[in-house]
């Protein structure tokens, strides 16, 4: 097995949850050249990865299918021994089918799985996404579990060093999906419950900056700092790694925390951990409503807003359910 391609062109968290495949393949084929295909914008997650030869990108926002055709020609020119499709969607399935790889592996639910050499079953409930992904290569490797892993570089650690001069907490308060997002005023309440001595860093993408700034203004705390849009993916991972505690939604920063084995409190509002996307760090905790709500979950990925307009799955979560670390105990 000399040349391998892994295909995952979905969102940030999906790429992170695919990284165990890289680890597993490198263990068993240490001399293989492993390439990875992501959607444009996510390539920074794998920058400098020690086991990746090249990262290719698919520009999906503009001229999506024209760019897909170009990618198919590029992939075919590489003469891969193995192509692994981690998605269940038709476009990536078509790319896999036409990849020219000697061995094509993917999920049976993919519409183009009829053209794959090996089709793997996909079970949504009761299995973590990382385990589902690893099932794609178990016949080529082994069945031992591996956690996702990112590799911040020396310069990433240097970039965030200035924020790490004293103990700190990290909060990633936003999500692409509205019903996955713990309400803004609830984050404010949680921040106000923290010891005054903590530095608290709010992280996210550039589009999250206004919401993070609103949280800061409502807390009226000078120790809460808005870093949304100011850090790269790997810089964020480096910051999370050494945080005393990271608070996240069911979203990409949760998977980032898992990849760095960072202490995590993960809030699940409309979604549920049994879908297979829960936190994986050794010291992690799921925070969710203690009420039995007949409307929860309302979907696999959440929705833009609560379909019933009450959002009880979020508003019934209390700050007492979270870990509130003591700053003073660090020095006792």
C-alpha atoms as a PDB file:
ATOM      1  CA  UNK A   1       0.000   0.000   0.000  1.00  0.00           C
ATOM      2  CA  UNK A   2       2.036   2.944  -1.296  1.00  0.00           C
ATOM      3  CA  UNK A   3      -0.425   5.738  -2.102  1.00  0.00           C
ATOM      4  CA  UNK A   4      -3.584   6.456  -0.079  1.00  0.00           C
ATOM      5  CA  UNK A   5      -6.289   9.121  -0.361  1.00  0.00           C
ATOM      6  CA  UNK A   6      -8.784  10.004   2.395  1.00  0.00           C
ATOM      7  CA  UNK A   7     -11.851  12.015   1.343  1.00  0.00           C
ATOM      8  CA  UNK A   8     -13.783  14.156   3.852  1.00  0.00           C
ATOM      9  CA  UNK A   9     -15.161  17.371   2.366  1.00  0.00           C
ATOM     10  CA  UNK A  10     -17.805  18.144   5.011  1.00  0.00           C
ATOM     11  CA  UNK A  11     -17.385  20.514   7.968  1.00  0.00           C
ATOM     12  CA  UNK A  12     -14.561  21.258  10.410  1.00  0.00           C
ATOM     13  CA  UNK A  13     -15.682  18.765  13.039  1.00  0.00           C
ATOM     14  CA  UNK A  14     -16.101  16.027  10.432  1.00  0.00           C
ATOM     15  CA  UNK A  15     -12.480  16.419   9.354  1.00  0.00           C
ATOM     16  CA  UNK A  16     -11.275  16.231  12.971  1.00  0.00           C
ATOM     17  CA  UNK A  17     -13.326  13.074  13.554  1.00  0.00           C
ATOM     18  CA  UNK A  18     -11.670  11.518  10.491  1.00  0.00           C
ATOM     19  CA  UNK A  19      -8.143  11.944  11.820  1.00  0.00           C
ATOM     20  CA  UNK A  20      -8.090   8.538  13.614  1.00  0.00           C
ATOM     21  CA  UNK A  21      -7.990   6.998  10.137  1.00  0.00           C
ATOM     22  CA  UNK A  22      -4.716   8.832   9.461  1.00  0.00           C
ATOM     23  CA  UNK A  23      -3.229   7.553  12.722  1.00  0.00           C
ATOM     24  CA  UNK A  24      -4.358   3.998  12.081  1.00  0.00           C
ATOM     25  CA  UNK A  25      -3.094   3.853   8.489  1.00  0.00           C
ATOM     26  CA  UNK A  26       0.261   5.304   9.486  1.00  0.00           C
ATOM     27  CA  UNK A  27       0.630   2.653  12.187  1.00  0.00           C
ATOM     28  CA  UNK A  28       0.140  -0.158   9.703  1.00  0.00           C
ATOM     29  CA  UNK A  29       1.630   1.409   6.562  1.00  0.00           C
ATOM     30  CA  UNK A  30       4.358   3.733   7.889  1.00  0.00           C
ATOM     31  CA  UNK A  31       5.965   4.167   4.478  1.00  0.00           C
ATOM     32  CA  UNK A  32       2.735   4.938   2.634  1.00  0.00           C
ATOM     33  CA  UNK A  33       2.122   8.410   1.203  1.00  0.00           C
ATOM     34  CA  UNK A  34      -1.217   9.601   2.633  1.00  0.00           C
ATOM     35  CA  UNK A  35      -3.113  12.477   0.995  1.00  0.00           C
ATOM     36  CA  UNK A  36      -6.276  14.096   2.340  1.00  0.00           C
ATOM     37  CA  UNK A  37      -9.060  15.890   0.459  1.00  0.00           C
ATOM     38  CA  UNK A  38     -11.088  18.562   2.310  1.00  0.00           C
ATOM     39  CA  UNK A  39     -13.416  21.389   1.370  1.00  0.00           C
ATOM     40  CA  UNK A  40     -11.708  24.733   0.791  1.00  0.00           C
ATOM     41  CA  UNK A  41     -11.227  26.515   4.100  1.00  0.00           C
ATOM     42  CA  UNK A  42     -10.595  23.410   6.212  1.00  0.00           C
ATOM     43  CA  UNK A  43      -7.065  22.681   5.025  1.00  0.00           C
ATOM     44  CA  UNK A  44      -5.574  24.550   7.993  1.00  0.00           C
ATOM     45  CA  UNK A  45      -6.646  21.714  10.290  1.00  0.00           C
ATOM     46  CA  UNK A  46      -4.037  19.433   8.733  1.00  0.00           C
ATOM     47  CA  UNK A  47      -1.271  21.952   8.160  1.00  0.00           C
ATOM     48  CA  UNK A  48       2.075  20.438   9.095  1.00  0.00           C
ATOM     49  CA  UNK A  49       0.502  17.077   9.976  1.00  0.00           C
ATOM     50  CA  UNK A  50       3.421  14.644  10.333  1.00  0.00           C
ATOM     51  CA  UNK A  51       1.647  11.776   8.559  1.00  0.00           C
ATOM     52  CA  UNK A  52       0.074  13.687   5.661  1.00  0.00           C
ATOM     53  CA  UNK A  53       1.885  14.069   2.356  1.00  0.00           C
ATOM     54  CA  UNK A  54      -0.494  16.544   0.680  1.00  0.00           C
ATOM     55  CA  UNK A  55      -3.843  18.204   1.369  1.00  0.00           C
ATOM     56  CA  UNK A  56      -6.121  18.884  -1.607  1.00  0.00           C
ATOM     57  CA  UNK A  57      -9.113  21.209  -1.473  1.00  0.00           C
ATOM     58  CA  UNK A  58     -12.478  21.260  -3.183  1.00  0.00           C
ATOM     59  CA  UNK A  59     -13.880  24.735  -3.744  1.00  0.00           C
ATOM     60  CA  UNK A  60     -17.573  24.058  -3.126  1.00  0.00           C
ATOM     61  CA  UNK A  61     -18.958  27.575  -2.764  1.00  0.00           C
ATOM     62  CA  UNK A  62     -18.439  28.642  -6.373  1.00  0.00           C
ATOM     63  CA  UNK A  63     -18.394  26.519  -9.530  1.00  0.00           C
ATOM     64  CA  UNK A  64     -18.832  23.476  -7.306  1.00  0.00           C
ATOM     65  CA  UNK A  65     -19.233  20.858 -10.016  1.00  0.00           C
ATOM     66  CA  UNK A  66     -16.680  22.357 -12.380  1.00  0.00           C
ATOM     67  CA  UNK A  67     -14.178  22.170  -9.549  1.00  0.00           C
ATOM     68  CA  UNK A  68     -15.286  18.613  -8.778  1.00  0.00           C
ATOM     69  CA  UNK A  69     -14.485  17.545 -12.330  1.00  0.00           C
ATOM     70  CA  UNK A  70     -11.028  19.109 -12.025  1.00  0.00           C
ATOM     71  CA  UNK A  71     -10.519  17.220  -8.769  1.00  0.00           C
ATOM     72  CA  UNK A  72     -11.497  13.927 -10.392  1.00  0.00           C
ATOM     73  CA  UNK A  73      -8.802  14.413 -13.037  1.00  0.00           C
ATOM     74  CA  UNK A  74      -6.277  15.350 -10.349  1.00  0.00           C
ATOM     75  CA  UNK A  75      -7.111  12.326  -8.208  1.00  0.00           C
ATOM     76  CA  UNK A  76      -6.967   9.951 -11.167  1.00  0.00           C
ATOM     77  CA  UNK A  77      -3.500  11.255 -12.049  1.00  0.00           C
ATOM     78  CA  UNK A  78      -2.172  10.165  -8.630  1.00  0.00           C
ATOM     79  CA  UNK A  79      -2.712   6.441  -9.243  1.00  0.00           C
ATOM     80  CA  UNK A  80      -3.827   5.691  -5.676  1.00  0.00           C
ATOM     81  CA  UNK A  81      -3.706   2.180  -4.270  1.00  0.00           C
ATOM     82  CA  UNK A  82      -6.482   3.032  -1.807  1.00  0.00           C
ATOM     83  CA  UNK A  83      -9.217   5.682  -1.692  1.00  0.00           C
ATOM     84  CA  UNK A  84     -11.262   5.969   1.517  1.00  0.00           C
ATOM     85  CA  UNK A  85     -14.490   7.968   1.402  1.00  0.00           C
ATOM     86  CA  UNK A  86     -15.604   9.006   4.891  1.00  0.00           C
ATOM     87  CA  UNK A  87     -18.866  10.556   3.640  1.00  0.00           C
ATOM     88  CA  UNK A  88     -22.262   9.248   2.636  1.00  0.00           C
ATOM     89  CA  UNK A  89     -23.059  11.884   0.016  1.00  0.00           C
ATOM     90  CA  UNK A  90     -23.235  11.504  -3.745  1.00  0.00           C
ATOM     91  CA  UNK A  91     -20.586  14.018  -4.887  1.00  0.00           C
ATOM     92  CA  UNK A  92     -17.789  12.457  -2.831  1.00  0.00           C
ATOM     93  CA  UNK A  93     -19.115   9.037  -3.845  1.00  0.00           C
ATOM     94  CA  UNK A  94     -18.803   9.944  -7.510  1.00  0.00           C
ATOM     95  CA  UNK A  95     -15.266  11.189  -6.935  1.00  0.00           C
ATOM     96  CA  UNK A  96     -14.397   7.916  -5.202  1.00  0.00           C
ATOM     97  CA  UNK A  97     -16.003   5.827  -7.940  1.00  0.00           C
ATOM     98  CA  UNK A  98     -14.003   7.676 -10.622  1.00  0.00           C
ATOM     99  CA  UNK A  99     -10.791   7.960  -8.576  1.00  0.00           C
ATOM    100  CA  UNK A 100      -9.038   5.160 -10.412  1.00  0.00           C
ATOM    101  CA  UNK A 101      -7.868   3.771  -7.068  1.00  0.00           C
ATOM    102  CA  UNK A 102      -7.170   0.050  -7.018  1.00  0.00           C
ATOM    103  CA  UNK A 103      -9.195  -0.303  -3.807  1.00  0.00           C
ATOM    104  CA  UNK A 104     -12.162   1.960  -3.058  1.00  0.00           C
ATOM    105  CA  UNK A 105     -13.708   1.892   0.418  1.00  0.00           C
ATOM    106  CA  UNK A 106     -16.753   3.752   1.703  1.00  0.00           C
ATOM    107  CA  UNK A 107     -20.070   3.496   3.498  1.00  0.00           C
ATOM    108  CA  UNK A 108     -22.819   1.360   1.987  1.00  0.00           C
ATOM    109  CA  UNK A 109     -25.254   4.279   2.369  1.00  0.00           C
ATOM    110  CA  UNK A 110     -23.367   6.307  -0.237  1.00  0.00           C
ATOM    111  CA  UNK A 111     -25.402   6.472  -3.483  1.00  0.00           C
ATOM    112  CA  UNK A 112     -22.296   5.450  -5.455  1.00  0.00           C
ATOM    113  CA  UNK A 113     -21.304   2.597  -3.147  1.00  0.00           C
ATOM    114  CA  UNK A 114     -22.136   0.124  -5.920  1.00  0.00           C
ATOM    115  CA  UNK A 115     -18.842   1.225  -7.511  1.00  0.00           C
ATOM    116  CA  UNK A 116     -16.781   0.730  -4.322  1.00  0.00           C
ATOM    117  CA  UNK A 117     -14.559  -2.296  -3.809  1.00  0.00           C
ATOM    118  CA  UNK A 118     -15.622  -2.543  -0.161  1.00  0.00           C
ATOM    119  CA  UNK A 119     -18.842  -1.223   1.398  1.00  0.00           C
ATOM    120  CA  UNK A 120     -19.143  -0.760   5.161  1.00  0.00           C
ATOM    121  CA  UNK A 121     -22.401  -0.556   7.108  1.00  0.00           C
ATOM    122  CA  UNK A 122     -23.219   2.637   8.979  1.00  0.00           C
ATOM    123  CA  UNK A 123     -25.073   2.656  12.326  1.00  0.00           C
ATOM    124  CA  UNK A 124     -26.130   6.063  13.660  1.00  0.00           C
ATOM    125  CA  UNK A 125     -27.249   5.323  17.223  1.00  0.00           C
ATOM    126  CA  UNK A 126     -24.967   3.845  19.857  1.00  0.00           C
ATOM    127  CA  UNK A 127     -21.621   4.244  18.090  1.00  0.00           C
ATOM    128  CA  UNK A 128     -19.280   7.232  18.065  1.00  0.00           C
ATOM    129  CA  UNK A 129     -18.512   8.800  14.708  1.00  0.00           C
ATOM    130  CA  UNK A 130     -14.813   8.058  15.154  1.00  0.00           C
ATOM    131  CA  UNK A 131     -15.610   4.363  15.548  1.00  0.00           C
ATOM    132  CA  UNK A 132     -17.805   4.472  12.459  1.00  0.00           C
ATOM    133  CA  UNK A 133     -14.933   6.065  10.546  1.00  0.00           C
ATOM    134  CA  UNK A 134     -12.376   3.556  11.815  1.00  0.00           C
ATOM    135  CA  UNK A 135     -14.628   0.723  10.641  1.00  0.00           C
ATOM    136  CA  UNK A 136     -13.692   1.750   7.097  1.00  0.00           C
ATOM    137  CA  UNK A 137     -10.116   0.548   7.616  1.00  0.00           C
ATOM    138  CA  UNK A 138     -10.445  -2.190  10.250  1.00  0.00           C
ATOM    139  CA  UNK A 139      -9.979  -4.969   7.667  1.00  0.00           C
ATOM    140  CA  UNK A 140      -6.804  -3.251   6.478  1.00  0.00           C
ATOM    141  CA  UNK A 141      -5.458  -2.505   9.960  1.00  0.00           C
ATOM    142  CA  UNK A 142      -6.945  -3.677  13.290  1.00  0.00           C
ATOM    143  CA  UNK A 143      -9.897  -3.022  15.585  1.00  0.00           C
ATOM    144  CA  UNK A 144      -8.071  -1.031  18.296  1.00  0.00           C
ATOM    145  CA  UNK A 145      -9.647   2.369  18.970  1.00  0.00           C
ATOM    146  CA  UNK A 146      -7.735   5.614  18.387  1.00  0.00           C
ATOM    147  CA  UNK A 147      -8.885   9.070  19.445  1.00  0.00           C
ATOM    148  CA  UNK A 148      -8.835  12.009  16.962  1.00  0.00           C
ATOM    149  CA  UNK A 149      -5.631  14.028  16.968  1.00  0.00           C
ATOM    150  CA  UNK A 150      -4.523  17.413  15.661  1.00  0.00           C
ATOM    151  CA  UNK A 151      -0.929  18.588  15.501  1.00  0.00           C
ATOM    152  CA  UNK A 152      -0.411  22.274  16.302  1.00  0.00           C
ATOM    153  CA  UNK A 153       3.053  23.368  15.170  1.00  0.00           C
ATOM    154  CA  UNK A 154       5.716  25.180  17.149  1.00  0.00           C
ATOM    155  CA  UNK A 155       4.607  28.520  15.685  1.00  0.00           C
ATOM    156  CA  UNK A 156       1.002  27.840  16.768  1.00  0.00           C
ATOM    157  CA  UNK A 157       2.118  27.357  20.357  1.00  0.00           C
ATOM    158  CA  UNK A 158       4.280  30.459  20.125  1.00  0.00           C
ATOM    159  CA  UNK A 159       1.331  32.495  18.813  1.00  0.00           C
ATOM    160  CA  UNK A 160      -0.876  31.707  21.817  1.00  0.00           C
ATOM    161  CA  UNK A 161       1.856  31.804  24.449  1.00  0.00           C
ATOM    162  CA  UNK A 162       0.984  35.409  25.315  1.00  0.00           C
ATOM    163  CA  UNK A 163      -2.494  34.272  26.389  1.00  0.00           C
ATOM    164  CA  UNK A 164      -1.110  31.553  28.650  1.00  0.00           C
ATOM    165  CA  UNK A 165       0.870  33.580  31.151  1.00  0.00           C
ATOM    166  CA  UNK A 166      -1.733  32.902  33.844  1.00  0.00           C
ATOM    167  CA  UNK A 167      -4.379  30.151  34.260  1.00  0.00           C
ATOM    168  CA  UNK A 168      -7.394  30.516  31.968  1.00  0.00           C
ATOM    169  CA  UNK A 169     -10.684  29.093  30.730  1.00  0.00           C
ATOM    170  CA  UNK A 170     -11.871  28.834  27.128  1.00  0.00           C
ATOM    171  CA  UNK A 171     -15.458  29.207  25.917  1.00  0.00           C
ATOM    172  CA  UNK A 172     -16.632  28.515  22.357  1.00  0.00           C
ATOM    173  CA  UNK A 173     -20.158  29.944  22.621  1.00  0.00           C
ATOM    174  CA  UNK A 174     -21.440  29.671  19.036  1.00  0.00           C
ATOM    175  CA  UNK A 175     -22.527  27.049  16.528  1.00  0.00           C
ATOM    176  CA  UNK A 176     -23.508  26.952  12.858  1.00  0.00           C
ATOM    177  CA  UNK A 177     -26.849  25.491  14.005  1.00  0.00           C
ATOM    178  CA  UNK A 178     -29.016  27.716  16.179  1.00  0.00           C
ATOM    179  CA  UNK A 179     -30.513  24.934  18.308  1.00  0.00           C
ATOM    180  CA  UNK A 180     -27.052  23.566  19.115  1.00  0.00           C
ATOM    181  CA  UNK A 181     -26.063  26.914  20.583  1.00  0.00           C
ATOM    182  CA  UNK A 182     -26.419  27.490  24.305  1.00  0.00           C
ATOM    183  CA  UNK A 183     -28.243  30.836  24.655  1.00  0.00           C
ATOM    184  CA  UNK A 184     -26.175  33.995  24.941  1.00  0.00           C
ATOM    185  CA  UNK A 185     -27.615  35.011  28.312  1.00  0.00           C
ATOM    186  CA  UNK A 186     -26.923  31.544  29.653  1.00  0.00           C
ATOM    187  CA  UNK A 187     -23.246  31.935  28.721  1.00  0.00           C
ATOM    188  CA  UNK A 188     -23.255  35.283  30.501  1.00  0.00           C
ATOM    189  CA  UNK A 189     -24.700  33.605  33.610  1.00  0.00           C
ATOM    190  CA  UNK A 190     -21.995  30.920  33.491  1.00  0.00           C
ATOM    191  CA  UNK A 191     -19.211  33.493  33.124  1.00  0.00           C
ATOM    192  CA  UNK A 192     -20.524  35.496  36.083  1.00  0.00           C
ATOM    193  CA  UNK A 193     -20.354  32.326  38.195  1.00  0.00           C
ATOM    194  CA  UNK A 194     -16.589  31.994  37.591  1.00  0.00           C
ATOM    195  CA  UNK A 195     -13.864  33.209  39.945  1.00  0.00           C
ATOM    196  CA  UNK A 196     -12.750  36.744  39.105  1.00  0.00           C
ATOM    197  CA  UNK A 197      -9.094  35.699  38.774  1.00  0.00           C
ATOM    198  CA  UNK A 198      -9.562  33.584  35.640  1.00  0.00           C
ATOM    199  CA  UNK A 199      -8.788  34.929  32.218  1.00  0.00           C
ATOM    200  CA  UNK A 200     -11.649  33.739  30.006  1.00  0.00           C
ATOM    201  CA  UNK A 201     -11.069  33.508  26.255  1.00  0.00           C
ATOM    202  CA  UNK A 202     -13.989  33.385  23.818  1.00  0.00           C
ATOM    203  CA  UNK A 203     -13.092  31.644  20.556  1.00  0.00           C
ATOM    204  CA  UNK A 204     -14.759  31.109  17.194  1.00  0.00           C
ATOM    205  CA  UNK A 205     -14.586  32.184  13.578  1.00  0.00           C
ATOM    206  CA  UNK A 206     -14.609  35.757  12.257  1.00  0.00           C
ATOM    207  CA  UNK A 207     -18.407  35.694  11.991  1.00  0.00           C
ATOM    208  CA  UNK A 208     -18.672  34.875  15.693  1.00  0.00           C
ATOM    209  CA  UNK A 209     -16.879  38.036  16.822  1.00  0.00           C
ATOM    210  CA  UNK A 210     -20.034  40.213  17.269  1.00  0.00           C
ATOM    211  CA  UNK A 211     -21.834  37.617  19.394  1.00  0.00           C
ATOM    212  CA  UNK A 212     -18.737  37.077  21.552  1.00  0.00           C
ATOM    213  CA  UNK A 213     -18.420  40.830  21.949  1.00  0.00           C
ATOM    214  CA  UNK A 214     -22.029  41.062  23.071  1.00  0.00           C
ATOM    215  CA  UNK A 215     -21.352  38.438  25.737  1.00  0.00           C
ATOM    216  CA  UNK A 216     -18.396  40.477  26.992  1.00  0.00           C
ATOM    217  CA  UNK A 217     -20.436  43.675  27.121  1.00  0.00           C
ATOM    218  CA  UNK A 218     -23.181  41.957  29.104  1.00  0.00           C
ATOM    219  CA  UNK A 219     -20.754  40.482  31.616  1.00  0.00           C
ATOM    220  CA  UNK A 220     -18.948  43.835  32.041  1.00  0.00           C
ATOM    221  CA  UNK A 221     -15.809  41.838  32.853  1.00  0.00           C
ATOM    222  CA  UNK A 222     -12.342  42.951  31.767  1.00  0.00           C
ATOM    223  CA  UNK A 223     -10.985  39.420  32.182  1.00  0.00           C
ATOM    224  CA  UNK A 224     -13.175  38.100  29.321  1.00  0.00           C
ATOM    225  CA  UNK A 225     -11.302  38.452  26.015  1.00  0.00           C
ATOM    226  CA  UNK A 226     -12.716  38.068  22.510  1.00  0.00           C
ATOM    227  CA  UNK A 227     -10.407  35.972  20.302  1.00  0.00           C
ATOM    228  CA  UNK A 228     -13.058  35.008  17.726  1.00  0.00           C
ATOM    229  CA  UNK A 229     -11.551  35.258  14.252  1.00  0.00           C
ATOM    230  CA  UNK A 230      -8.091  36.000  15.644  1.00  0.00           C
ATOM    231  CA  UNK A 231      -6.753  32.452  15.849  1.00  0.00           C
ATOM    232  CA  UNK A 232      -6.200  29.763  13.231  1.00  0.00           C
ATOM    233  CA  UNK A 233      -7.617  26.271  13.766  1.00  0.00           C
ATOM    234  CA  UNK A 234      -4.342  24.959  15.132  1.00  0.00           C
ATOM    235  CA  UNK A 235      -3.743  28.028  17.296  1.00  0.00           C
ATOM    236  CA  UNK A 236      -7.193  27.474  18.809  1.00  0.00           C
ATOM    237  CA  UNK A 237      -6.279  23.835  19.440  1.00  0.00           C
ATOM    238  CA  UNK A 238      -3.036  24.903  21.141  1.00  0.00           C
ATOM    239  CA  UNK A 239      -4.960  27.345  23.350  1.00  0.00           C
ATOM    240  CA  UNK A 240      -7.582  24.734  24.283  1.00  0.00           C
ATOM    241  CA  UNK A 241      -4.945  22.133  25.123  1.00  0.00           C
ATOM    242  CA  UNK A 242      -3.637  24.024  28.160  1.00  0.00           C
ATOM    243  CA  UNK A 243      -6.903  25.548  29.371  1.00  0.00           C
ATOM    244  CA  UNK A 244      -8.024  24.629  32.875  1.00  0.00           C
ATOM    245  CA  UNK A 245     -11.443  23.924  31.340  1.00  0.00           C
ATOM    246  CA  UNK A 246     -13.077  24.440  27.956  1.00  0.00           C
ATOM    247  CA  UNK A 247     -16.836  25.000  27.598  1.00  0.00           C
ATOM    248  CA  UNK A 248     -18.282  24.126  24.193  1.00  0.00           C
ATOM    249  CA  UNK A 249     -21.502  23.399  22.345  1.00  0.00           C
ATOM    250  CA  UNK A 250     -22.077  20.241  20.309  1.00  0.00           C
ATOM    251  CA  UNK A 251     -19.884  21.729  17.568  1.00  0.00           C
ATOM    252  CA  UNK A 252     -16.401  21.754  16.038  1.00  0.00           C
ATOM    253  CA  UNK A 253     -14.570  23.173  19.102  1.00  0.00           C
ATOM    254  CA  UNK A 254     -15.792  20.161  21.099  1.00  0.00           C
ATOM    255  CA  UNK A 255     -14.062  17.845  18.625  1.00  0.00           C
ATOM    256  CA  UNK A 256     -11.017  20.097  18.728  1.00  0.00           C
ATOM    257  CA  UNK A 257     -10.917  19.663  22.503  1.00  0.00           C
ATOM    258  CA  UNK A 258     -11.210  15.892  22.040  1.00  0.00           C
ATOM    259  CA  UNK A 259      -8.274  15.933  19.628  1.00  0.00           C
ATOM    260  CA  UNK A 260      -6.128  17.700  22.257  1.00  0.00           C
ATOM    261  CA  UNK A 261      -7.466  15.571  25.159  1.00  0.00           C
ATOM    262  CA  UNK A 262      -8.451  18.800  26.931  1.00  0.00           C
ATOM    263  CA  UNK A 263     -10.808  18.964  29.916  1.00  0.00           C
ATOM    264  CA  UNK A 264     -14.242  19.703  28.457  1.00  0.00           C
ATOM    265  CA  UNK A 265     -17.805  20.564  29.428  1.00  0.00           C
ATOM    266  CA  UNK A 266     -19.916  19.967  26.311  1.00  0.00           C
ATOM    267  CA  UNK A 267     -23.439  21.414  26.126  1.00  0.00           C
ATOM    268  CA  UNK A 268     -26.039  19.448  24.179  1.00  0.00           C
ATOM    269  CA  UNK A 269     -29.232  21.389  23.552  1.00  0.00           C
ATOM    270  CA  UNK A 270     -31.402  19.991  20.752  1.00  0.00           C
ATOM    271  CA  UNK A 271     -29.063  17.115  19.853  1.00  0.00           C
ATOM    272  CA  UNK A 272     -28.075  14.081  21.934  1.00  0.00           C
ATOM    273  CA  UNK A 273     -24.695  12.394  22.530  1.00  0.00           C
ATOM    274  CA  UNK A 274     -25.988   8.985  21.429  1.00  0.00           C
ATOM    275  CA  UNK A 275     -25.940  10.217  17.824  1.00  0.00           C
ATOM    276  CA  UNK A 276     -22.209   9.565  18.128  1.00  0.00           C
ATOM    277  CA  UNK A 277     -20.680  13.024  18.341  1.00  0.00           C
ATOM    278  CA  UNK A 278     -19.986  13.378  22.058  1.00  0.00           C
ATOM    279  CA  UNK A 279     -16.738  14.559  23.697  1.00  0.00           C
ATOM    280  CA  UNK A 280     -13.854  12.086  23.868  1.00  0.00           C
ATOM    281  CA  UNK A 281     -11.310  13.684  26.192  1.00  0.00           C
ATOM    282  CA  UNK A 282     -10.375  11.640  29.260  1.00  0.00           C
ATOM    283  CA  UNK A 283     -11.802  14.392  31.456  1.00  0.00           C
ATOM    284  CA  UNK A 284     -15.003  15.408  29.701  1.00  0.00           C
ATOM    285  CA  UNK A 285     -18.583  15.949  30.786  1.00  0.00           C
ATOM    286  CA  UNK A 286     -21.855  16.191  28.877  1.00  0.00           C
ATOM    287  CA  UNK A 287     -24.215  18.965  29.991  1.00  0.00           C
ATOM    288  CA  UNK A 288     -27.851  18.545  28.929  1.00  0.00           C
ATOM    289  CA  UNK A 289     -31.353  19.153  30.182  1.00  0.00           C
ATOM    290  CA  UNK A 290     -32.542  16.897  32.985  1.00  0.00           C
ATOM    291  CA  UNK A 291     -36.132  17.177  31.786  1.00  0.00           C
ATOM    292  CA  UNK A 292     -37.753  14.567  29.557  1.00  0.00           C
ATOM    293  CA  UNK A 293     -38.717  16.568  26.491  1.00  0.00           C
ATOM    294  CA  UNK A 294     -40.768  14.762  23.816  1.00  0.00           C
ATOM    295  CA  UNK A 295     -39.423  17.140  21.164  1.00  0.00           C
ATOM    296  CA  UNK A 296     -35.747  16.334  21.852  1.00  0.00           C
ATOM    297  CA  UNK A 297     -33.856  15.572  19.693  1.00  0.00           C
ATOM    298  CA  UNK A 298     -35.473  17.566  16.918  1.00  0.00           C
ATOM    299  CA  UNK A 299     -32.886  16.499  14.329  1.00  0.00           C
ATOM    300  CA  UNK A 300     -29.452  15.037  13.757  1.00  0.00           C
ATOM    301  CA  UNK A 301     -27.702  18.371  13.223  1.00  0.00           C
ATOM    302  CA  UNK A 302     -30.059  20.747  14.977  1.00  0.00           C
ATOM    303  CA  UNK A 303     -32.054  23.527  13.319  1.00  0.00           C
ATOM    304  CA  UNK A 304     -31.745  27.264  12.776  1.00  0.00           C
ATOM    305  CA  UNK A 305     -34.244  27.877  15.570  1.00  0.00           C
ATOM    306  CA  UNK A 306     -36.501  25.911  17.881  1.00  0.00           C
ATOM    307  CA  UNK A 307     -39.445  24.539  15.820  1.00  0.00           C
ATOM    308  CA  UNK A 308     -41.739  24.980  18.853  1.00  0.00           C
ATOM    309  CA  UNK A 309     -40.343  28.426  19.767  1.00  0.00           C
ATOM    310  CA  UNK A 310     -39.648  27.589  23.428  1.00  0.00           C
ATOM    311  CA  UNK A 311     -36.096  26.149  23.208  1.00  0.00           C
ATOM    312  CA  UNK A 312     -36.629  24.318  26.487  1.00  0.00           C
ATOM    313  CA  UNK A 313     -33.787  21.896  25.704  1.00  0.00           C
ATOM    314  CA  UNK A 314     -31.402  24.824  26.284  1.00  0.00           C
ATOM    315  CA  UNK A 315     -33.192  27.055  28.778  1.00  0.00           C
ATOM    316  CA  UNK A 316     -33.767  24.218  31.261  1.00  0.00           C
ATOM    317  CA  UNK A 317     -30.014  23.606  31.574  1.00  0.00           C
ATOM    318  CA  UNK A 318     -28.784  25.223  34.782  1.00  0.00           C
ATOM    319  CA  UNK A 319     -25.343  26.646  35.540  1.00  0.00           C
ATOM    320  CA  UNK A 320     -25.113  24.285  38.542  1.00  0.00           C
ATOM    321  CA  UNK A 321     -24.742  21.389  36.090  1.00  0.00           C
ATOM    322  CA  UNK A 322     -21.403  22.748  34.868  1.00  0.00           C
ATOM    323  CA  UNK A 323     -18.013  22.300  36.466  1.00  0.00           C
ATOM    324  CA  UNK A 324     -16.987  25.624  38.012  1.00  0.00           C
ATOM    325  CA  UNK A 325     -13.246  25.350  38.724  1.00  0.00           C
ATOM    326  CA  UNK A 326     -11.769  27.162  41.680  1.00  0.00           C
ATOM    327  CA  UNK A 327      -8.889  29.472  40.843  1.00  0.00           C
ATOM    328  CA  UNK A 328      -7.720  29.553  44.449  1.00  0.00           C
ATOM    329  CA  UNK A 329      -7.362  25.760  44.640  1.00  0.00           C
ATOM    330  CA  UNK A 330      -4.636  25.931  41.989  1.00  0.00           C
ATOM    331  CA  UNK A 331      -2.347  27.426  44.591  1.00  0.00           C
ATOM    332  CA  UNK A 332      -3.479  25.594  47.724  1.00  0.00           C
END
